[in-house]
Amino acid sequence: MNIVEIEIKAIRPDPKSDAMLGNVTFYISGGVGNRCDVMNFECRCEAPLGGSPDHRLSQIEQGLKADALRQARRMPEFRSGEDQLTVLAPQGQCTA
């Protein structure tokens, strides 16, 4: 199954720690028929220190995506090896 688009929304500080929270949505092709499946995750990553605001935002987005992939790997169909997720993005591919 291929992740064809990733959407990150509602990036906000975690009120209980120094981390950042956000909602990550994977749009997946290769589901049943020709439809696009959707997977939503509530994600957390460490807040970056230093650098420009754009650089920090990029680091937060990367951290949230990594947490979403970590959560996806724990789903039974991926953990068992029955299915595999492939991220099809301009930055390159990675598999979960």
PDB file of N, CA and C in Angstrom:
ATOM      1  N   MET A   1       0.855  -1.168   0.000  1.00  0.00           N
ATOM      2  CA  MET A   1       0.000   0.000   0.000  1.00  0.00           C
ATOM      3  C   MET A   1       0.898   1.227   0.000  1.00  0.00           C
ATOM      4  N   ASN A   2       0.565   2.188  -0.857  1.00  0.00           N
ATOM      5  CA  ASN A   2       1.402   3.372  -1.037  1.00  0.00           C
ATOM      6  C   ASN A   2       0.771   4.603  -0.406  1.00  0.00           C
ATOM      7  N   ILE A   3       1.553   5.293   0.400  1.00  0.00           N
ATOM      8  CA  ILE A   3       1.121   6.574   0.946  1.00  0.00           C
ATOM      9  C   ILE A   3       1.378   7.607  -0.140  1.00  0.00           C
ATOM     10  N   VAL A   4       0.303   8.153  -0.711  1.00  0.00           N
ATOM     11  CA  VAL A   4       0.450   9.075  -1.825  1.00  0.00           C
ATOM     12  C   VAL A   4       0.404  10.534  -1.384  1.00  0.00           C
ATOM     13  N   GLU A   5      -0.105  10.770  -0.182  1.00  0.00           N
ATOM     14  CA  GLU A   5      -0.152  12.135   0.335  1.00  0.00           C
ATOM     15  C   GLU A   5      -0.150  12.085   1.854  1.00  0.00           C
ATOM     16  N   ILE A   6       0.519  13.058   2.458  1.00  0.00           N
ATOM     17  CA  ILE A   6       0.555  13.182   3.915  1.00  0.00           C
ATOM     18  C   ILE A   6       0.101  14.584   4.267  1.00  0.00           C
ATOM     19  N   GLU A   7      -0.839  14.665   5.191  1.00  0.00           N
ATOM     20  CA  GLU A   7      -1.352  15.964   5.636  1.00  0.00           C
ATOM     21  C   GLU A   7      -1.102  16.084   7.136  1.00  0.00           C
ATOM     22  N   ILE A   8      -0.543  17.216   7.544  1.00  0.00           N
ATOM     23  CA  ILE A   8      -0.270  17.478   8.959  1.00  0.00           C
ATOM     24  C   ILE A   8      -1.072  18.704   9.361  1.00  0.00           C
ATOM     25  N   LYS A   9      -1.862  18.548  10.415  1.00  0.00           N
ATOM     26  CA  LYS A   9      -2.718  19.645  10.888  1.00  0.00           C
ATOM     27  C   LYS A   9      -2.599  19.796  12.400  1.00  0.00           C
ATOM     28  N   ALA A  10      -3.110  20.899  12.870  1.00  0.00           N
ATOM     29  CA  ALA A  10      -3.265  21.155  14.310  1.00  0.00           C
ATOM     30  C   ALA A  10      -1.964  20.967  15.085  1.00  0.00           C
ATOM     31  N   ILE A  11      -0.870  21.513  14.564  1.00  0.00           N
ATOM     32  CA  ILE A  11       0.398  21.462  15.296  1.00  0.00           C
ATOM     33  C   ILE A  11       0.281  22.417  16.485  1.00  0.00           C
ATOM     34  N   ARG A  12       0.613  21.888  17.666  1.00  0.00           N
ATOM     35  CA  ARG A  12       0.458  22.671  18.884  1.00  0.00           C
ATOM     36  C   ARG A  12       1.404  22.139  19.953  1.00  0.00           C
ATOM     37  N   PRO A  13       1.741  22.982  20.937  1.00  0.00           N
ATOM     38  CA  PRO A  13       2.581  22.500  22.034  1.00  0.00           C
ATOM     39  C   PRO A  13       1.788  21.566  22.942  1.00  0.00           C
ATOM     40  N   ASP A  14       2.471  20.587  23.482  1.00  0.00           N
ATOM     41  CA  ASP A  14       1.867  19.682  24.459  1.00  0.00           C
ATOM     42  C   ASP A  14       1.817  20.419  25.790  1.00  0.00           C
ATOM     43  N   PRO A  15       0.622  20.605  26.359  1.00  0.00           N
ATOM     44  CA  PRO A  15       0.528  21.363  27.610  1.00  0.00           C
ATOM     45  C   PRO A  15       1.181  20.657  28.796  1.00  0.00           C
ATOM     46  N   LYS A  16       1.481  19.363  28.652  1.00  0.00           N
ATOM     47  CA  LYS A  16       2.040  18.591  29.763  1.00  0.00           C
ATOM     48  C   LYS A  16       3.554  18.413  29.682  1.00  0.00           C
ATOM     49  N   SER A  17       4.173  18.864  28.572  1.00  0.00           N
ATOM     50  CA  SER A  17       5.617  18.672  28.409  1.00  0.00           C
ATOM     51  C   SER A  17       6.159  19.699  27.413  1.00  0.00           C
ATOM     52  N   ASP A  18       7.424  19.533  27.056  1.00  0.00           N
ATOM     53  CA  ASP A  18       8.057  20.418  26.073  1.00  0.00           C
ATOM     54  C   ASP A  18       7.910  19.890  24.652  1.00  0.00           C
ATOM     55  N   ALA A  19       7.083  18.878  24.450  1.00  0.00           N
ATOM     56  CA  ALA A  19       6.919  18.256  23.139  1.00  0.00           C
ATOM     57  C   ALA A  19       5.892  19.013  22.300  1.00  0.00           C
ATOM     58  N   MET A  20       5.784  18.594  21.043  1.00  0.00           N
ATOM     59  CA  MET A  20       4.792  19.138  20.115  1.00  0.00           C
ATOM     60  C   MET A  20       3.826  18.019  19.736  1.00  0.00           C
ATOM     61  N   LEU A  21       2.570  18.404  19.499  1.00  0.00           N
ATOM     62  CA  LEU A  21       1.525  17.469  19.088  1.00  0.00           C
ATOM     63  C   LEU A  21       1.009  17.873  17.721  1.00  0.00           C
ATOM     64  N   GLY A  22       0.430  16.926  16.999  1.00  0.00           N
ATOM     65  CA  GLY A  22      -0.177  17.235  15.712  1.00  0.00           C
ATOM     66  C   GLY A  22      -0.954  16.040  15.185  1.00  0.00           C
ATOM     67  N   ASN A  23      -1.827  16.307  14.246  1.00  0.00           N
ATOM     68  CA  ASN A  23      -2.619  15.274  13.589  1.00  0.00           C
ATOM     69  C   ASN A  23      -2.004  14.988  12.227  1.00  0.00           C
ATOM     70  N   VAL A  24      -1.712  13.722  11.968  1.00  0.00           N
ATOM     71  CA  VAL A  24      -1.117  13.310  10.703  1.00  0.00           C
ATOM     72  C   VAL A  24      -2.097  12.374   9.996  1.00  0.00           C
ATOM     73  N   THR A  25      -2.365  12.671   8.732  1.00  0.00           N
ATOM     74  CA  THR A  25      -3.251  11.845   7.914  1.00  0.00           C
ATOM     75  C   THR A  25      -2.466  11.308   6.737  1.00  0.00           C
ATOM     76  N   PHE A  26      -2.534   9.980   6.543  1.00  0.00           N
ATOM     77  CA  PHE A  26      -1.953   9.322   5.382  1.00  0.00           C
ATOM     78  C   PHE A  26      -3.084   9.004   4.417  1.00  0.00           C
ATOM     79  N   TYR A  27      -2.913   9.370   3.159  1.00  0.00           N
ATOM     80  CA  TYR A  27      -3.830   8.982   2.091  1.00  0.00           C
ATOM     81  C   TYR A  27      -3.138   7.853   1.340  1.00  0.00           C
ATOM     82  N   ILE A  28      -3.797   6.690   1.273  1.00  0.00           N
ATOM     83  CA  ILE A  28      -3.152   5.469   0.809  1.00  0.00           C
ATOM     84  C   ILE A  28      -3.859   4.910  -0.416  1.00  0.00           C
ATOM     85  N   SER A  29      -3.079   4.638  -1.455  1.00  0.00           N
ATOM     86  CA  SER A  29      -3.627   3.922  -2.609  1.00  0.00           C
ATOM     87  C   SER A  29      -3.239   2.464  -2.452  1.00  0.00           C
ATOM     88  N   GLY A  30      -3.955   1.611  -3.127  1.00  0.00           N
ATOM     89  CA  GLY A  30      -3.653   0.185  -3.034  1.00  0.00           C
ATOM     90  C   GLY A  30      -4.547  -0.527  -2.056  1.00  0.00           C
ATOM     91  N   GLY A  31      -5.599   0.152  -1.613  1.00  0.00           N
ATOM     92  CA  GLY A  31      -6.579  -0.492  -0.750  1.00  0.00           C
ATOM     93  C   GLY A  31      -7.508  -1.347  -1.589  1.00  0.00           C
ATOM     94  N   VAL A  32      -8.686  -1.585  -1.099  1.00  0.00           N
ATOM     95  CA  VAL A  32      -9.667  -2.388  -1.815  1.00  0.00           C
ATOM     96  C   VAL A  32     -10.149  -1.616  -3.037  1.00  0.00           C
ATOM     97  N   GLY A  33     -10.065  -2.225  -4.196  1.00  0.00           N
ATOM     98  CA  GLY A  33     -10.482  -1.558  -5.427  1.00  0.00           C
ATOM     99  C   GLY A  33      -9.570  -0.383  -5.747  1.00  0.00           C
ATOM    100  N   ASN A  34     -10.137   0.651  -6.327  1.00  0.00           N
ATOM    101  CA  ASN A  34      -9.357   1.837  -6.699  1.00  0.00           C
ATOM    102  C   ASN A  34      -9.503   2.966  -5.705  1.00  0.00           C
ATOM    103  N   ARG A  35     -10.129   2.715  -4.580  1.00  0.00           N
ATOM    104  CA  ARG A  35     -10.363   3.800  -3.632  1.00  0.00           C
ATOM    105  C   ARG A  35      -9.087   4.172  -2.885  1.00  0.00           C
ATOM    106  N   CYS A  36      -9.100   5.345  -2.321  1.00  0.00           N
ATOM    107  CA  CYS A  36      -7.985   5.835  -1.512  1.00  0.00           C
ATOM    108  C   CYS A  36      -8.380   5.687  -0.049  1.00  0.00           C
ATOM    109  N   ASP A  37      -7.605   4.938   0.711  1.00  0.00           N
ATOM    110  CA  ASP A  37      -7.864   4.768   2.132  1.00  0.00           C
ATOM    111  C   ASP A  37      -7.220   5.913   2.905  1.00  0.00           C
ATOM    112  N   VAL A  38      -7.731   6.152   4.102  1.00  0.00           N
ATOM    113  CA  VAL A  38      -7.232   7.232   4.952  1.00  0.00           C
ATOM    114  C   VAL A  38      -6.880   6.651   6.315  1.00  0.00           C
ATOM    115  N   MET A  39      -5.697   7.027   6.816  1.00  0.00           N
ATOM    116  CA  MET A  39      -5.284   6.646   8.168  1.00  0.00           C
ATOM    117  C   MET A  39      -4.965   7.925   8.918  1.00  0.00           C
ATOM    118  N   ASN A  40      -5.560   8.096  10.103  1.00  0.00           N
ATOM    119  CA  ASN A  40      -5.330   9.285  10.928  1.00  0.00           C
ATOM    120  C   ASN A  40      -4.588   8.895  12.197  1.00  0.00           C
ATOM    121  N   PHE A  41      -3.658   9.748  12.591  1.00  0.00           N
ATOM    122  CA  PHE A  41      -2.874   9.512  13.797  1.00  0.00           C
ATOM    123  C   PHE A  41      -2.756  10.795  14.610  1.00  0.00           C
ATOM    124  N   GLU A  42      -2.825  10.668  15.915  1.00  0.00           N
ATOM    125  CA  GLU A  42      -2.500  11.760  16.836  1.00  0.00           C
ATOM    126  C   GLU A  42      -1.038  11.519  17.211  1.00  0.00           C
ATOM    127  N   CYS A  43      -0.163  12.480  16.876  1.00  0.00           N
ATOM    128  CA  CYS A  43       1.276  12.251  16.994  1.00  0.00           C
ATOM    129  C   CYS A  43       1.935  13.238  17.945  1.00  0.00           C
ATOM    130  N   ARG A  44       3.133  12.844  18.375  1.00  0.00           N
ATOM    131  CA  ARG A  44       3.919  13.633  19.325  1.00  0.00           C
ATOM    132  C   ARG A  44       5.383  13.557  18.906  1.00  0.00           C
ATOM    133  N   CYS A  45       6.092  14.672  19.067  1.00  0.00           N
ATOM    134  CA  CYS A  45       7.539  14.678  18.846  1.00  0.00           C
ATOM    135  C   CYS A  45       8.166  15.723  19.760  1.00  0.00           C
ATOM    136  N   GLU A  46       9.450  15.591  19.939  1.00  0.00           N
ATOM    137  CA  GLU A  46      10.176  16.560  20.758  1.00  0.00           C
ATOM    138  C   GLU A  46      10.241  17.902  20.029  1.00  0.00           C
ATOM    139  N   ALA A  47      10.128  18.975  20.783  1.00  0.00           N
ATOM    140  CA  ALA A  47      10.209  20.315  20.200  1.00  0.00           C
ATOM    141  C   ALA A  47      11.666  20.638  19.902  1.00  0.00           C
ATOM    142  N   PRO A  48      11.970  21.054  18.671  1.00  0.00           N
ATOM    143  CA  PRO A  48      13.352  21.399  18.330  1.00  0.00           C
ATOM    144  C   PRO A  48      13.754  22.727  18.974  1.00  0.00           C
ATOM    145  N   LEU A  49      15.037  22.869  19.218  1.00  0.00           N
ATOM    146  CA  LEU A  49      15.570  24.105  19.783  1.00  0.00           C
ATOM    147  C   LEU A  49      16.462  24.771  18.747  1.00  0.00           C
ATOM    148  N   GLY A  50      16.455  26.078  18.721  1.00  0.00           N
ATOM    149  CA  GLY A  50      17.339  26.820  17.825  1.00  0.00           C
ATOM    150  C   GLY A  50      16.916  26.743  16.369  1.00  0.00           C
ATOM    151  N   GLY A  51      17.637  27.479  15.549  1.00  0.00           N
ATOM    152  CA  GLY A  51      17.349  27.509  14.120  1.00  0.00           C
ATOM    153  C   GLY A  51      16.238  28.489  13.792  1.00  0.00           C
ATOM    154  N   SER A  52      15.980  28.628  12.517  1.00  0.00           N
ATOM    155  CA  SER A  52      14.937  29.549  12.059  1.00  0.00           C
ATOM    156  C   SER A  52      13.561  28.926  12.295  1.00  0.00           C
ATOM    157  N   PRO A  53      12.508  29.752  12.317  1.00  0.00           N
ATOM    158  CA  PRO A  53      11.158  29.202  12.482  1.00  0.00           C
ATOM    159  C   PRO A  53      10.805  28.172  11.398  1.00  0.00           C
ATOM    160  N   ASP A  54      11.226  28.418  10.148  1.00  0.00           N
ATOM    161  CA  ASP A  54      10.945  27.464   9.069  1.00  0.00           C
ATOM    162  C   ASP A  54      11.664  26.145   9.301  1.00  0.00           C
ATOM    163  N   HIS A  55      12.898  26.217   9.772  1.00  0.00           N
ATOM    164  CA  HIS A  55      13.663  25.000  10.046  1.00  0.00           C
ATOM    165  C   HIS A  55      13.030  24.221  11.193  1.00  0.00           C
ATOM    166  N   ARG A  56      12.616  24.917  12.258  1.00  0.00           N
ATOM    167  CA  ARG A  56      11.967  24.247  13.390  1.00  0.00           C
ATOM    168  C   ARG A  56      10.668  23.587  12.946  1.00  0.00           C
ATOM    169  N   LEU A  57       9.859  24.283  12.126  1.00  0.00           N
ATOM    170  CA  LEU A  57       8.607  23.709  11.633  1.00  0.00           C
ATOM    171  C   LEU A  57       8.877  22.450  10.812  1.00  0.00           C
ATOM    172  N   SER A  58       9.903  22.492   9.976  1.00  0.00           N
ATOM    173  CA  SER A  58      10.269  21.325   9.177  1.00  0.00           C
ATOM    174  C   SER A  58      10.657  20.148  10.076  1.00  0.00           C
ATOM    175  N   GLN A  59      11.413  20.420  11.133  1.00  0.00           N
ATOM    176  CA  GLN A  59      11.810  19.373  12.066  1.00  0.00           C
ATOM    177  C   GLN A  59      10.590  18.799  12.799  1.00  0.00           C
ATOM    178  N   ILE A  60       9.668  19.652  13.185  1.00  0.00           N
ATOM    179  CA  ILE A  60       8.451  19.191  13.855  1.00  0.00           C
ATOM    180  C   ILE A  60       7.651  18.299  12.917  1.00  0.00           C
ATOM    181  N   GLU A  61       7.471  18.731  11.665  1.00  0.00           N
ATOM    182  CA  GLU A  61       6.715  17.928  10.695  1.00  0.00           C
ATOM    183  C   GLU A  61       7.381  16.576  10.478  1.00  0.00           C
ATOM    184  N   GLN A  62       8.699  16.548  10.361  1.00  0.00           N
ATOM    185  CA  GLN A  62       9.414  15.280  10.183  1.00  0.00           C
ATOM    186  C   GLN A  62       9.215  14.382  11.398  1.00  0.00           C
ATOM    187  N   GLY A  63       9.284  14.962  12.591  1.00  0.00           N
ATOM    188  CA  GLY A  63       9.086  14.185  13.812  1.00  0.00           C
ATOM    189  C   GLY A  63       7.679  13.616  13.917  1.00  0.00           C
ATOM    190  N   LEU A  64       6.674  14.416  13.536  1.00  0.00           N
ATOM    191  CA  LEU A  64       5.292  13.944  13.575  1.00  0.00           C
ATOM    192  C   LEU A  64       5.063  12.831  12.556  1.00  0.00           C
ATOM    193  N   LYS A  65       5.634  12.968  11.351  1.00  0.00           N
ATOM    194  CA  LYS A  65       5.521  11.908  10.338  1.00  0.00           C
ATOM    195  C   LYS A  65       6.174  10.621  10.834  1.00  0.00           C
ATOM    196  N   ALA A  66       7.341  10.743  11.452  1.00  0.00           N
ATOM    197  CA  ALA A  66       8.041   9.565  11.969  1.00  0.00           C
ATOM    198  C   ALA A  66       7.201   8.870  13.037  1.00  0.00           C
ATOM    199  N   ASP A  67       6.540   9.652  13.893  1.00  0.00           N
ATOM    200  CA  ASP A  67       5.694   9.054  14.927  1.00  0.00           C
ATOM    201  C   ASP A  67       4.490   8.357  14.298  1.00  0.00           C
ATOM    202  N   ALA A  68       3.908   8.947  13.248  1.00  0.00           N
ATOM    203  CA  ALA A  68       2.781   8.313  12.561  1.00  0.00           C
ATOM    204  C   ALA A  68       3.221   6.984  11.935  1.00  0.00           C
ATOM    205  N   LEU A  69       4.389   6.944  11.318  1.00  0.00           N
ATOM    206  CA  LEU A  69       4.893   5.690  10.748  1.00  0.00           C
ATOM    207  C   LEU A  69       5.156   4.659  11.841  1.00  0.00           C
ATOM    208  N   ARG A  70       5.671   5.101  12.979  1.00  0.00           N
ATOM    209  CA  ARG A  70       5.898   4.192  14.112  1.00  0.00           C
ATOM    210  C   ARG A  70       4.575   3.569  14.545  1.00  0.00           C
ATOM    211  N   GLN A  71       3.534   4.416  14.648  1.00  0.00           N
ATOM    212  CA  GLN A  71       2.222   3.905  15.049  1.00  0.00           C
ATOM    213  C   GLN A  71       1.665   2.947  13.999  1.00  0.00           C
ATOM    214  N   ALA A  72       1.844   3.258  12.724  1.00  0.00           N
ATOM    215  CA  ALA A  72       1.339   2.394  11.656  1.00  0.00           C
ATOM    216  C   ALA A  72       2.015   1.023  11.704  1.00  0.00           C
ATOM    217  N   ARG A  73       3.311   0.994  12.010  1.00  0.00           N
ATOM    218  CA  ARG A  73       4.042  -0.274  12.084  1.00  0.00           C
ATOM    219  C   ARG A  73       3.469  -1.201  13.152  1.00  0.00           C
ATOM    220  N   ARG A  74       2.807  -0.624  14.142  1.00  0.00           N
ATOM    221  CA  ARG A  74       2.247  -1.432  15.234  1.00  0.00           C
ATOM    222  C   ARG A  74       0.873  -2.013  14.893  1.00  0.00           C
ATOM    223  N   MET A  75       0.299  -1.601  13.776  1.00  0.00           N
ATOM    224  CA  MET A  75      -0.996  -2.138  13.365  1.00  0.00           C
ATOM    225  C   MET A  75      -0.793  -3.591  12.939  1.00  0.00           C
ATOM    226  N   PRO A  76      -1.740  -4.464  13.271  1.00  0.00           N
ATOM    227  CA  PRO A  76      -1.549  -5.905  13.023  1.00  0.00           C
ATOM    228  C   PRO A  76      -1.186  -6.256  11.580  1.00  0.00           C
ATOM    229  N   GLU A  77      -1.812  -5.642  10.599  1.00  0.00           N
ATOM    230  CA  GLU A  77      -1.543  -6.023   9.211  1.00  0.00           C
ATOM    231  C   GLU A  77      -0.131  -5.659   8.767  1.00  0.00           C
ATOM    232  N   PHE A  78       0.473  -4.643   9.374  1.00  0.00           N
ATOM    233  CA  PHE A  78       1.836  -4.260   9.015  1.00  0.00           C
ATOM    234  C   PHE A  78       2.849  -4.981   9.905  1.00  0.00           C
ATOM    235  N   ARG A  79       2.512  -5.143  11.185  1.00  0.00           N
ATOM    236  CA  ARG A  79       3.406  -5.833  12.111  1.00  0.00           C
ATOM    237  C   ARG A  79       3.608  -7.282  11.683  1.00  0.00           C
ATOM    238  N   SER A  80       2.552  -7.910  11.147  1.00  0.00           N
ATOM    239  CA  SER A  80       2.632  -9.311  10.737  1.00  0.00           C
ATOM    240  C   SER A  80       3.378  -9.490   9.414  1.00  0.00           C
ATOM    241  N   GLY A  81       3.589  -8.387   8.694  1.00  0.00           N
ATOM    242  CA  GLY A  81       4.237  -8.470   7.396  1.00  0.00           C
ATOM    243  C   GLY A  81       3.256  -8.756   6.269  1.00  0.00           C
ATOM    244  N   GLU A  82       1.967  -8.842   6.622  1.00  0.00           N
ATOM    245  CA  GLU A  82       0.928  -9.101   5.621  1.00  0.00           C
ATOM    246  C   GLU A  82       0.877  -7.969   4.600  1.00  0.00           C
ATOM    247  N   ASP A  83       1.085  -6.764   5.057  1.00  0.00           N
ATOM    248  CA  ASP A  83       1.062  -5.585   4.193  1.00  0.00           C
ATOM    249  C   ASP A  83       2.280  -4.738   4.491  1.00  0.00           C
ATOM    250  N   GLN A  84       2.614  -3.850   3.563  1.00  0.00           N
ATOM    251  CA  GLN A  84       3.737  -2.946   3.749  1.00  0.00           C
ATOM    252  C   GLN A  84       3.320  -1.568   3.254  1.00  0.00           C
ATOM    253  N   LEU A  85       3.687  -0.533   4.011  1.00  0.00           N
ATOM    254  CA  LEU A  85       3.412   0.847   3.614  1.00  0.00           C
ATOM    255  C   LEU A  85       4.652   1.413   2.952  1.00  0.00           C
ATOM    256  N   THR A  86       4.459   2.085   1.829  1.00  0.00           N
ATOM    257  CA  THR A  86       5.559   2.774   1.163  1.00  0.00           C
ATOM    258  C   THR A  86       5.166   4.231   0.992  1.00  0.00           C
ATOM    259  N   VAL A  87       6.033   5.128   1.450  1.00  0.00           N
ATOM    260  CA  VAL A  87       5.785   6.552   1.317  1.00  0.00           C
ATOM    261  C   VAL A  87       6.298   7.000  -0.041  1.00  0.00           C
ATOM    262  N   LEU A  88       5.385   7.490  -0.884  1.00  0.00           N
ATOM    263  CA  LEU A  88       5.755   8.010  -2.194  1.00  0.00           C
ATOM    264  C   LEU A  88       5.732   9.531  -2.091  1.00  0.00           C
ATOM    265  N   ALA A  89       6.870  10.115  -1.857  1.00  0.00           N
ATOM    266  CA  ALA A  89       6.950  11.553  -1.644  1.00  0.00           C
ATOM    267  C   ALA A  89       8.146  12.102  -2.398  1.00  0.00           C
ATOM    268  N   PRO A  90       8.118  13.393  -2.725  1.00  0.00           N
ATOM    269  CA  PRO A  90       9.249  13.991  -3.431  1.00  0.00           C
ATOM    270  C   PRO A  90      10.565  13.858  -2.675  1.00  0.00           C
ATOM    271  N   GLN A  91      10.501  13.774  -1.336  1.00  0.00           N
ATOM    272  CA  GLN A  91      11.726  13.674  -0.528  1.00  0.00           C
ATOM    273  C   GLN A  91      12.337  12.289  -0.600  1.00  0.00           C
ATOM    274  N   GLY A  92      11.656  11.337  -1.211  1.00  0.00           N
ATOM    275  CA  GLY A  92      12.174   9.974  -1.282  1.00  0.00           C
ATOM    276  C   GLY A  92      11.163   9.005  -0.721  1.00  0.00           C
ATOM    277  N   GLN A  93      11.558   7.764  -0.655  1.00  0.00           N
ATOM    278  CA  GLN A  93      10.663   6.729  -0.188  1.00  0.00           C
ATOM    279  C   GLN A  93      11.193   6.124   1.088  1.00  0.00           C
ATOM    280  N   CYS A  94      10.285   5.706   1.947  1.00  0.00           N
ATOM    281  CA  CYS A  94      10.662   4.883   3.090  1.00  0.00           C
ATOM    282  C   CYS A  94       9.530   3.881   3.302  1.00  0.00           C
ATOM    283  N   THR A  95       9.845   2.781   3.898  1.00  0.00           N
ATOM    284  CA  THR A  95       8.870   1.717   4.053  1.00  0.00           C
ATOM    285  C   THR A  95       8.624   1.454   5.520  1.00  0.00           C
ATOM    286  N   ALA A  96       7.355   1.201   5.865  1.00  0.00           N
ATOM    287  CA  ALA A  96       6.994   0.871   7.236  1.00  0.00           C
ATOM    288  C   ALA A  96       6.429  -0.533   7.264  1.00  0.00           C
TER     289      ALA A  96
END
